[in-house]
Amino acid sequence: MLDGVPLNIGELSGWGVVALIVVLLLLGKGGIAFRREVDAEKSRADTWQDAWKAERAAAQERAEQWSELLELARAADRVLTALDNARRGESP
């Protein structure tokens, strides 16, 4: 709205500056956020943080399960290798 209007703040009166600040605040270009906007962003950030913590916990559990599965696979491989060697008549 004010992009094409050449304004020099030094030439404005005190009320002109106040009016300009009010217009900028109403347009949302003043850099000041309303309380409900701040609360909404905080709520959104908390939601994302909770989701991130839940994902990290799931990833940790998944890593623990993978290591357990790998250990079970190694044990099964040793058992099957020993059975195959016993079937062939070879000693371990």
C-alpha atoms as a PDB file:
ATOM      1  CA  MET A   1       0.000   0.000   0.000  1.00  0.00           C
ATOM      2  CA  LEU A   2       2.769   2.414   0.874  1.00  0.00           C
ATOM      3  CA  ASP A   3       5.269   1.085  -1.655  1.00  0.00           C
ATOM      4  CA  GLY A   4       4.600   3.756  -4.287  1.00  0.00           C
ATOM      5  CA  VAL A   5       4.271   6.699  -1.888  1.00  0.00           C
ATOM      6  CA  PRO A   6       7.559   8.541  -1.338  1.00  0.00           C
ATOM      7  CA  LEU A   7       7.618   9.334   2.377  1.00  0.00           C
ATOM      8  CA  ASN A   8      10.419  11.009   4.210  1.00  0.00           C
ATOM      9  CA  ILE A   9       9.932  10.617   7.954  1.00  0.00           C
ATOM     10  CA  GLY A  10      11.927  13.777   8.570  1.00  0.00           C
ATOM     11  CA  GLU A  11       9.266  15.823   6.790  1.00  0.00           C
ATOM     12  CA  LEU A  12       6.295  14.328   8.648  1.00  0.00           C
ATOM     13  CA  SER A  13       4.738  15.964  11.671  1.00  0.00           C
ATOM     14  CA  GLY A  14       4.450  14.109  14.954  1.00  0.00           C
ATOM     15  CA  TRP A  15       0.892  13.056  14.178  1.00  0.00           C
ATOM     16  CA  GLY A  16       1.964  11.969  10.714  1.00  0.00           C
ATOM     17  CA  VAL A  17       4.535   9.627  12.226  1.00  0.00           C
ATOM     18  CA  VAL A  18       1.934   8.293  14.667  1.00  0.00           C
ATOM     19  CA  ALA A  19      -0.528   7.759  11.814  1.00  0.00           C
ATOM     20  CA  LEU A  20       2.157   5.978   9.769  1.00  0.00           C
ATOM     21  CA  ILE A  21       2.979   3.684  12.701  1.00  0.00           C
ATOM     22  CA  VAL A  22      -0.712   2.894  13.260  1.00  0.00           C
ATOM     23  CA  VAL A  23      -1.179   2.084   9.561  1.00  0.00           C
ATOM     24  CA  LEU A  24       1.887  -0.166   9.561  1.00  0.00           C
ATOM     25  CA  LEU A  25       0.677  -1.949  12.692  1.00  0.00           C
ATOM     26  CA  LEU A  26      -2.773  -2.494  11.222  1.00  0.00           C
ATOM     27  CA  LEU A  27      -1.261  -3.869   8.018  1.00  0.00           C
ATOM     28  CA  GLY A  28       0.953  -6.217  10.004  1.00  0.00           C
ATOM     29  CA  LYS A  29       4.200  -4.669   8.740  1.00  0.00           C
ATOM     30  CA  GLY A  30       5.273  -3.186  12.041  1.00  0.00           C
ATOM     31  CA  GLY A  31       7.054  -6.261  13.303  1.00  0.00           C
ATOM     32  CA  ILE A  32       4.803  -6.513  16.347  1.00  0.00           C
ATOM     33  CA  ALA A  33       2.824  -9.718  16.782  1.00  0.00           C
ATOM     34  CA  PHE A  34      -0.424 -10.025  18.681  1.00  0.00           C
ATOM     35  CA  ARG A  35      -0.535 -12.255  21.741  1.00  0.00           C
ATOM     36  CA  ARG A  36      -2.770 -14.834  20.035  1.00  0.00           C
ATOM     37  CA  GLU A  37      -0.259 -15.120  17.168  1.00  0.00           C
ATOM     38  CA  VAL A  38       2.608 -15.692  19.589  1.00  0.00           C
ATOM     39  CA  ASP A  39       0.581 -18.270  21.515  1.00  0.00           C
ATOM     40  CA  ALA A  40      -0.399 -20.038  18.276  1.00  0.00           C
ATOM     41  CA  GLU A  41       3.239 -20.237  17.171  1.00  0.00           C
ATOM     42  CA  LYS A  42       4.320 -21.498  20.597  1.00  0.00           C
ATOM     43  CA  SER A  43       1.603 -24.142  20.492  1.00  0.00           C
ATOM     44  CA  ARG A  44       2.701 -25.180  17.017  1.00  0.00           C
ATOM     45  CA  ALA A  45       6.344 -25.342  18.105  1.00  0.00           C
ATOM     46  CA  ASP A  46       5.399 -27.457  21.141  1.00  0.00           C
ATOM     47  CA  THR A  47       3.441 -29.819  18.885  1.00  0.00           C
ATOM     48  CA  TRP A  48       6.424 -30.237  16.568  1.00  0.00           C
ATOM     49  CA  GLN A  49       8.768 -30.748  19.517  1.00  0.00           C
ATOM     50  CA  ASP A  50       6.500 -33.440  20.972  1.00  0.00           C
ATOM     51  CA  ALA A  51       6.330 -35.146  17.570  1.00  0.00           C
ATOM     52  CA  TRP A  52      10.123 -34.985  17.256  1.00  0.00           C
ATOM     53  CA  LYS A  53      10.587 -36.513  20.725  1.00  0.00           C
ATOM     54  CA  ALA A  54       8.140 -39.315  19.874  1.00  0.00           C
ATOM     55  CA  GLU A  55       9.971 -39.991  16.601  1.00  0.00           C
ATOM     56  CA  ARG A  56      13.345 -40.095  18.380  1.00  0.00           C
ATOM     57  CA  ALA A  57      11.961 -42.560  20.947  1.00  0.00           C
ATOM     58  CA  ALA A  58      10.599 -44.745  18.139  1.00  0.00           C
ATOM     59  CA  ALA A  59      13.937 -44.573  16.314  1.00  0.00           C
ATOM     60  CA  GLN A  60      15.782 -45.587  19.498  1.00  0.00           C
ATOM     61  CA  GLU A  61      13.450 -48.544  20.019  1.00  0.00           C
ATOM     62  CA  ARG A  62      13.857 -49.542  16.376  1.00  0.00           C
ATOM     63  CA  ALA A  63      17.654 -49.457  16.719  1.00  0.00           C
ATOM     64  CA  GLU A  64      17.489 -51.645  19.819  1.00  0.00           C
ATOM     65  CA  GLN A  65      15.231 -54.131  18.034  1.00  0.00           C
ATOM     66  CA  TRP A  66      17.573 -54.250  15.036  1.00  0.00           C
ATOM     67  CA  SER A  67      20.562 -55.064  17.228  1.00  0.00           C
ATOM     68  CA  GLU A  68      18.568 -57.803  18.978  1.00  0.00           C
ATOM     69  CA  LEU A  69      17.454 -59.242  15.633  1.00  0.00           C
ATOM     70  CA  LEU A  70      21.023 -59.221  14.345  1.00  0.00           C
ATOM     71  CA  GLU A  71      22.229 -61.062  17.445  1.00  0.00           C
ATOM     72  CA  LEU A  72      19.481 -63.664  17.016  1.00  0.00           C
ATOM     73  CA  ALA A  73      20.418 -64.070  13.343  1.00  0.00           C
ATOM     74  CA  ARG A  74      24.076 -64.626  14.282  1.00  0.00           C
ATOM     75  CA  ALA A  75      23.070 -67.263  16.843  1.00  0.00           C
ATOM     76  CA  ALA A  76      20.790 -68.990  14.316  1.00  0.00           C
ATOM     77  CA  ASP A  77      23.604 -68.951  11.757  1.00  0.00           C
ATOM     78  CA  ARG A  78      25.996 -70.585  14.217  1.00  0.00           C
ATOM     79  CA  VAL A  79      23.397 -73.263  15.094  1.00  0.00           C
ATOM     80  CA  LEU A  80      22.609 -74.013  11.442  1.00  0.00           C
ATOM     81  CA  THR A  81      26.302 -74.127  10.543  1.00  0.00           C
ATOM     82  CA  ALA A  82      26.958 -76.564  13.418  1.00  0.00           C
ATOM     83  CA  LEU A  83      23.998 -78.748  12.324  1.00  0.00           C
ATOM     84  CA  ASP A  84      25.189 -78.732   8.725  1.00  0.00           C
ATOM     85  CA  ASN A  85      28.726 -79.689   9.818  1.00  0.00           C
ATOM     86  CA  ALA A  86      27.314 -82.471  12.036  1.00  0.00           C
ATOM     87  CA  ARG A  87      25.212 -83.794   9.132  1.00  0.00           C
ATOM     88  CA  ARG A  88      28.350 -83.898   6.938  1.00  0.00           C
ATOM     89  CA  GLY A  89      30.310 -85.567   9.695  1.00  0.00           C
ATOM     90  CA  GLU A  90      32.709 -82.700  10.212  1.00  0.00           C
ATOM     91  CA  SER A  91      33.718 -81.566  13.669  1.00  0.00           C
ATOM     92  CA  PRO A  92      33.463 -77.856  14.558  1.00  0.00           C
END
